[in-house]
Amino acid sequence: MFTGVVETLAPVLSFTATRLVIERPKTFDDIQIGSSIAVSGVCLTVVALDQRSLSFDVIPESFDRSHFGSLKPGDQVNLERAMRADSRLEGHIVQGHVEGIGEILSRERTAKGEILTVLIPLELQSSVISKGSIALDGVSLTVMSVKDGACSVALIPLTIETTTLGLKKKGDFLTIETDILARYAHQ
């Protein structure tokens, strides 16, 4: 389980049809084979590591429900280690079980940050509710509003500066995980 509070960014070193290799952040000194890490919102298991890199096997389901197919060396990804049971729950409950891909429809600057509007796939729309949570590329956010199959979220300057959401533009794609409570209420 994760919180959606991104710890750091890391560049992709290589990516094949089945293996993702990213640069290992210096702060990730407690990682071992078998550790779970949310990579841009997708829960992946470390299958190999060294001082410089972390490697993950990626299955077709992860490709189908994420924007991983467009990743290339040098692209930045959001990283979050699995939540510890003895720590504070910041953010929201995020499983790392991404459900689909959304497209950025607009970015609107405000006095205190930005409003990001994302088109939500039809099959996920019933689980996206105003004031509920959503994880976009693994970043836990509160839904401001839902209208015409899209949701809007506010990005504070810290989120813009420390996550890949600050690098994304209109037309880019994001992984989506809807609010687990809303998801179960609609099942």
C-alpha atoms as a PDB file:
ATOM      1  CA  MET A   1       0.000   0.000   0.000  1.00  0.00           C
ATOM      2  CA  PHE A   2       1.105   3.565  -0.732  1.00  0.00           C
ATOM      3  CA  THR A   3       0.026   7.080   0.214  1.00  0.00           C
ATOM      4  CA  GLY A   4       0.416   8.888  -3.096  1.00  0.00           C
ATOM      5  CA  VAL A   5       3.019  11.227  -1.596  1.00  0.00           C
ATOM      6  CA  VAL A   6       5.840  10.974  -4.126  1.00  0.00           C
ATOM      7  CA  GLU A   7       9.261  10.700  -2.503  1.00  0.00           C
ATOM      8  CA  THR A   8      11.449  11.482  -5.496  1.00  0.00           C
ATOM      9  CA  LEU A   9      11.837  11.376  -9.253  1.00  0.00           C
ATOM     10  CA  ALA A  10      14.207   9.084 -11.129  1.00  0.00           C
ATOM     11  CA  PRO A  11      15.154   8.743 -14.777  1.00  0.00           C
ATOM     12  CA  VAL A  12      14.421   5.648 -16.816  1.00  0.00           C
ATOM     13  CA  LEU A  13      17.711   3.958 -17.768  1.00  0.00           C
ATOM     14  CA  SER A  14      16.225   1.341 -20.089  1.00  0.00           C
ATOM     15  CA  PHE A  15      12.906  -0.215 -20.931  1.00  0.00           C
ATOM     16  CA  THR A  16      12.094  -3.316 -22.943  1.00  0.00           C
ATOM     17  CA  ALA A  17       8.812  -5.136 -23.435  1.00  0.00           C
ATOM     18  CA  THR A  18       9.243  -6.872 -20.071  1.00  0.00           C
ATOM     19  CA  ARG A  19      11.882  -5.028 -18.001  1.00  0.00           C
ATOM     20  CA  LEU A  20      12.053  -1.469 -16.640  1.00  0.00           C
ATOM     21  CA  VAL A  21      15.350  -0.213 -15.226  1.00  0.00           C
ATOM     22  CA  ILE A  22      15.491   3.115 -13.389  1.00  0.00           C
ATOM     23  CA  GLU A  23      18.226   5.025 -11.609  1.00  0.00           C
ATOM     24  CA  ARG A  24      18.313   4.119  -7.928  1.00  0.00           C
ATOM     25  CA  PRO A  25      17.776   7.161  -5.710  1.00  0.00           C
ATOM     26  CA  LYS A  26      20.439   7.519  -3.010  1.00  0.00           C
ATOM     27  CA  THR A  27      17.718   7.704  -0.353  1.00  0.00           C
ATOM     28  CA  PHE A  28      16.374   4.281  -1.353  1.00  0.00           C
ATOM     29  CA  ASP A  29      19.051   2.511   0.697  1.00  0.00           C
ATOM     30  CA  ASP A  30      16.561   0.144   2.371  1.00  0.00           C
ATOM     31  CA  ILE A  31      15.356  -1.453  -0.872  1.00  0.00           C
ATOM     32  CA  GLN A  32      15.909  -5.143  -1.505  1.00  0.00           C
ATOM     33  CA  ILE A  33      14.788  -7.727  -4.032  1.00  0.00           C
ATOM     34  CA  GLY A  34      11.056  -8.176  -3.484  1.00  0.00           C
ATOM     35  CA  SER A  35      10.437  -4.588  -2.316  1.00  0.00           C
ATOM     36  CA  SER A  36       7.317  -2.915  -3.705  1.00  0.00           C
ATOM     37  CA  ILE A  37       7.721   0.521  -5.254  1.00  0.00           C
ATOM     38  CA  ALA A  38       5.071   2.676  -6.918  1.00  0.00           C
ATOM     39  CA  VAL A  39       6.574   3.789 -10.227  1.00  0.00           C
ATOM     40  CA  SER A  40       4.391   6.607 -11.569  1.00  0.00           C
ATOM     41  CA  GLY A  41       1.562   4.981  -9.657  1.00  0.00           C
ATOM     42  CA  VAL A  42       2.125   1.384 -10.772  1.00  0.00           C
ATOM     43  CA  CYS A  43       3.053  -1.020  -7.984  1.00  0.00           C
ATOM     44  CA  LEU A  44       6.126  -2.918  -9.185  1.00  0.00           C
ATOM     45  CA  THR A  45       8.392  -5.435  -7.477  1.00  0.00           C
ATOM     46  CA  VAL A  46      12.167  -4.987  -7.443  1.00  0.00           C
ATOM     47  CA  VAL A  47      13.664  -8.021  -9.219  1.00  0.00           C
ATOM     48  CA  ALA A  48      17.292  -6.832  -9.423  1.00  0.00           C
ATOM     49  CA  LEU A  49      19.280  -3.968  -7.952  1.00  0.00           C
ATOM     50  CA  ASP A  50      22.722  -2.537  -7.537  1.00  0.00           C
ATOM     51  CA  GLN A  51      24.126   0.757  -6.250  1.00  0.00           C
ATOM     52  CA  ARG A  52      23.106   2.535  -9.488  1.00  0.00           C
ATOM     53  CA  SER A  53      19.818   0.963 -10.571  1.00  0.00           C
ATOM     54  CA  LEU A  54      16.557  -0.785  -9.728  1.00  0.00           C
ATOM     55  CA  SER A  55      15.001  -3.291 -12.140  1.00  0.00           C
ATOM     56  CA  PHE A  56      11.377  -4.375 -12.399  1.00  0.00           C
ATOM     57  CA  ASP A  57       9.564  -6.958 -14.512  1.00  0.00           C
ATOM     58  CA  VAL A  58       6.538  -5.408 -16.229  1.00  0.00           C
ATOM     59  CA  ILE A  59       3.607  -7.584 -17.274  1.00  0.00           C
ATOM     60  CA  PRO A  60       1.184  -6.871 -20.150  1.00  0.00           C
ATOM     61  CA  GLU A  61      -1.557  -5.791 -17.687  1.00  0.00           C
ATOM     62  CA  SER A  62       0.712  -2.959 -16.490  1.00  0.00           C
ATOM     63  CA  PHE A  63       1.219  -1.819 -20.088  1.00  0.00           C
ATOM     64  CA  ASP A  64      -2.514  -1.966 -20.789  1.00  0.00           C
ATOM     65  CA  ARG A  65      -3.464   0.197 -17.810  1.00  0.00           C
ATOM     66  CA  SER A  66      -0.587   2.692 -17.785  1.00  0.00           C
ATOM     67  CA  HIS A  67       1.327   4.983 -20.100  1.00  0.00           C
ATOM     68  CA  PHE A  68       4.460   2.826 -19.723  1.00  0.00           C
ATOM     69  CA  GLY A  69       4.420   1.998 -23.439  1.00  0.00           C
ATOM     70  CA  SER A  70       5.555   5.555 -24.178  1.00  0.00           C
ATOM     71  CA  LEU A  71       8.456   5.627 -21.672  1.00  0.00           C
ATOM     72  CA  LYS A  72      11.968   6.011 -23.035  1.00  0.00           C
ATOM     73  CA  PRO A  73      15.439   6.387 -21.486  1.00  0.00           C
ATOM     74  CA  GLY A  74      15.794   9.731 -19.739  1.00  0.00           C
ATOM     75  CA  ASP A  75      12.081  10.122 -18.970  1.00  0.00           C
ATOM     76  CA  GLN A  76      11.391  10.880 -15.307  1.00  0.00           C
ATOM     77  CA  VAL A  77       9.102   8.690 -13.199  1.00  0.00           C
ATOM     78  CA  ASN A  78       7.557   9.321  -9.781  1.00  0.00           C
ATOM     79  CA  LEU A  79       8.729   6.972  -7.023  1.00  0.00           C
ATOM     80  CA  GLU A  80       7.261   6.033  -3.670  1.00  0.00           C
ATOM     81  CA  ARG A  81       8.314   3.171  -1.432  1.00  0.00           C
ATOM     82  CA  ALA A  82       5.587   1.052   0.142  1.00  0.00           C
ATOM     83  CA  MET A  83       4.021   2.568   3.240  1.00  0.00           C
ATOM     84  CA  ARG A  84       5.264   1.327   6.585  1.00  0.00           C
ATOM     85  CA  ALA A  85       2.598   0.095   9.002  1.00  0.00           C
ATOM     86  CA  ASP A  86       4.115   2.099  11.848  1.00  0.00           C
ATOM     87  CA  SER A  87       4.090   5.488  10.137  1.00  0.00           C
ATOM     88  CA  ARG A  88       1.656   8.303   9.588  1.00  0.00           C
ATOM     89  CA  LEU A  89      -0.738   7.997   6.636  1.00  0.00           C
ATOM     90  CA  GLU A  90      -0.173  11.152   4.625  1.00  0.00           C
ATOM     91  CA  GLY A  91      -2.041  11.618   1.337  1.00  0.00           C
ATOM     92  CA  HIS A  92      -4.693   8.986   0.613  1.00  0.00           C
ATOM     93  CA  ILE A  93      -4.857   5.210   0.463  1.00  0.00           C
ATOM     94  CA  VAL A  94      -3.264   4.212  -2.844  1.00  0.00           C
ATOM     95  CA  GLN A  95      -2.795   0.591  -3.827  1.00  0.00           C
ATOM     96  CA  GLY A  96      -0.659   0.999  -6.922  1.00  0.00           C
ATOM     97  CA  HIS A  97      -3.267  -0.962  -8.869  1.00  0.00           C
ATOM     98  CA  VAL A  98      -3.710   1.507 -11.701  1.00  0.00           C
ATOM     99  CA  GLU A  99      -6.972   1.216 -13.572  1.00  0.00           C
ATOM    100  CA  GLY A 100      -6.459   3.186 -16.731  1.00  0.00           C
ATOM    101  CA  ILE A 101      -4.996   6.100 -18.611  1.00  0.00           C
ATOM    102  CA  GLY A 102      -6.253   9.675 -18.667  1.00  0.00           C
ATOM    103  CA  GLU A 103      -5.390  12.474 -21.058  1.00  0.00           C
ATOM    104  CA  ILE A 104      -4.566  15.986 -19.880  1.00  0.00           C
ATOM    105  CA  LEU A 105      -7.173  18.304 -21.393  1.00  0.00           C
ATOM    106  CA  SER A 106      -5.891  21.550 -19.884  1.00  0.00           C
ATOM    107  CA  ARG A 107      -3.570  23.239 -17.404  1.00  0.00           C
ATOM    108  CA  GLU A 108      -4.724  26.546 -15.983  1.00  0.00           C
ATOM    109  CA  ARG A 109      -2.412  28.732 -13.930  1.00  0.00           C
ATOM    110  CA  THR A 110      -3.873  30.239 -10.769  1.00  0.00           C
ATOM    111  CA  ALA A 111      -2.469  32.616  -8.192  1.00  0.00           C
ATOM    112  CA  LYS A 112      -1.460  29.657  -5.987  1.00  0.00           C
ATOM    113  CA  GLY A 113      -0.631  26.876  -8.467  1.00  0.00           C
ATOM    114  CA  GLU A 114      -2.479  25.232 -11.333  1.00  0.00           C
ATOM    115  CA  ILE A 115      -5.744  23.493 -12.142  1.00  0.00           C
ATOM    116  CA  LEU A 116      -5.184  20.285 -14.091  1.00  0.00           C
ATOM    117  CA  THR A 117      -8.131  18.811 -15.988  1.00  0.00           C
ATOM    118  CA  VAL A 118      -7.934  15.168 -17.058  1.00  0.00           C
ATOM    119  CA  LEU A 119     -10.241  13.129 -19.297  1.00  0.00           C
ATOM    120  CA  ILE A 120     -11.273   9.989 -17.393  1.00  0.00           C
ATOM    121  CA  PRO A 121     -11.952   6.727 -19.277  1.00  0.00           C
ATOM    122  CA  LEU A 122     -15.665   5.927 -19.390  1.00  0.00           C
ATOM    123  CA  GLU A 123     -15.318   2.756 -17.295  1.00  0.00           C
ATOM    124  CA  LEU A 124     -13.726   4.748 -14.423  1.00  0.00           C
ATOM    125  CA  GLN A 125     -16.014   7.779 -14.387  1.00  0.00           C
ATOM    126  CA  SER A 126     -18.459   6.392 -11.817  1.00  0.00           C
ATOM    127  CA  SER A 127     -15.601   6.059  -9.286  1.00  0.00           C
ATOM    128  CA  VAL A 128     -14.370   9.641  -9.668  1.00  0.00           C
ATOM    129  CA  ILE A 129     -16.327  11.909  -7.344  1.00  0.00           C
ATOM    130  CA  SER A 130     -15.993  15.515  -6.294  1.00  0.00           C
ATOM    131  CA  LYS A 131     -13.930  15.795  -3.087  1.00  0.00           C
ATOM    132  CA  GLY A 132     -12.871  12.152  -3.417  1.00  0.00           C
ATOM    133  CA  SER A 133      -9.273  11.175  -4.006  1.00  0.00           C
ATOM    134  CA  ILE A 134      -7.540  10.183  -7.216  1.00  0.00           C
ATOM    135  CA  ALA A 135      -3.961   9.167  -7.922  1.00  0.00           C
ATOM    136  CA  LEU A 136      -2.545  10.581 -11.157  1.00  0.00           C
ATOM    137  CA  ASP A 137       0.845   9.075 -12.026  1.00  0.00           C
ATOM    138  CA  GLY A 138       0.929   7.972  -8.395  1.00  0.00           C
ATOM    139  CA  VAL A 139       0.339  11.461  -6.982  1.00  0.00           C
ATOM    140  CA  SER A 140      -2.500  11.538  -4.448  1.00  0.00           C
ATOM    141  CA  LEU A 141      -4.854  14.431  -5.196  1.00  0.00           C
ATOM    142  CA  THR A 142      -8.330  15.596  -4.210  1.00  0.00           C
ATOM    143  CA  VAL A 143     -10.857  15.875  -7.023  1.00  0.00           C
ATOM    144  CA  MET A 144     -12.130  19.463  -7.198  1.00  0.00           C
ATOM    145  CA  SER A 145     -14.882  18.846  -9.717  1.00  0.00           C
ATOM    146  CA  VAL A 146     -16.188  16.334 -12.232  1.00  0.00           C
ATOM    147  CA  LYS A 147     -17.846  17.432 -15.466  1.00  0.00           C
ATOM    148  CA  ASP A 148     -18.380  15.897 -18.916  1.00  0.00           C
ATOM    149  CA  GLY A 149     -16.198  12.857 -18.240  1.00  0.00           C
ATOM    150  CA  ALA A 150     -13.259  14.862 -16.918  1.00  0.00           C
ATOM    151  CA  CYS A 151     -12.038  15.766 -13.463  1.00  0.00           C
ATOM    152  CA  SER A 152     -10.114  18.787 -12.257  1.00  0.00           C
ATOM    153  CA  VAL A 153      -7.521  18.788  -9.493  1.00  0.00           C
ATOM    154  CA  ALA A 154      -5.493  21.581  -7.932  1.00  0.00           C
ATOM    155  CA  LEU A 155      -1.710  21.362  -8.057  1.00  0.00           C
ATOM    156  CA  ILE A 156       0.187  23.306  -5.432  1.00  0.00           C
ATOM    157  CA  PRO A 157       3.665  24.621  -6.312  1.00  0.00           C
ATOM    158  CA  LEU A 158       5.369  21.832  -4.316  1.00  0.00           C
ATOM    159  CA  THR A 159       3.561  19.148  -6.340  1.00  0.00           C
ATOM    160  CA  ILE A 160       4.446  20.916  -9.602  1.00  0.00           C
ATOM    161  CA  GLU A 161       8.120  21.150  -8.587  1.00  0.00           C
ATOM    162  CA  THR A 162       8.629  17.669  -7.109  1.00  0.00           C
ATOM    163  CA  THR A 163       6.577  15.313  -9.309  1.00  0.00           C
ATOM    164  CA  THR A 164       6.275  14.517 -12.991  1.00  0.00           C
ATOM    165  CA  LEU A 165       2.981  16.433 -13.016  1.00  0.00           C
ATOM    166  CA  GLY A 166       5.066  19.582 -13.367  1.00  0.00           C
ATOM    167  CA  LEU A 167       6.574  18.177 -16.586  1.00  0.00           C
ATOM    168  CA  LYS A 168       3.323  17.103 -18.225  1.00  0.00           C
ATOM    169  CA  LYS A 169       1.473  19.172 -20.809  1.00  0.00           C
ATOM    170  CA  LYS A 170      -1.874  19.206 -22.590  1.00  0.00           C
ATOM    171  CA  GLY A 171      -2.290  15.972 -24.548  1.00  0.00           C
ATOM    172  CA  ASP A 172       0.038  13.939 -22.312  1.00  0.00           C
ATOM    173  CA  PHE A 173      -1.194  10.777 -20.637  1.00  0.00           C
ATOM    174  CA  LEU A 174      -1.312   9.883 -16.934  1.00  0.00           C
ATOM    175  CA  THR A 175      -1.958   6.648 -15.067  1.00  0.00           C
ATOM    176  CA  ILE A 176      -5.146   6.714 -12.999  1.00  0.00           C
ATOM    177  CA  GLU A 177      -6.115   4.976  -9.786  1.00  0.00           C
ATOM    178  CA  THR A 178      -9.501   6.003  -8.459  1.00  0.00           C
ATOM    179  CA  ASP A 179     -10.476   6.402  -4.814  1.00  0.00           C
ATOM    180  CA  ILE A 180     -10.662   2.891  -3.347  1.00  0.00           C
ATOM    181  CA  LEU A 181     -13.690   3.776  -1.210  1.00  0.00           C
ATOM    182  CA  ALA A 182     -15.636   5.175  -4.175  1.00  0.00           C
ATOM    183  CA  ARG A 183     -14.604   2.162  -6.243  1.00  0.00           C
ATOM    184  CA  TYR A 184     -16.018  -0.312  -3.725  1.00  0.00           C
ATOM    185  CA  ALA A 185     -19.183   1.738  -3.224  1.00  0.00           C
ATOM    186  CA  HIS A 186     -19.917   1.488  -6.974  1.00  0.00           C
ATOM    187  CA  GLN A 187     -19.209  -2.254  -7.279  1.00  0.00           C
END
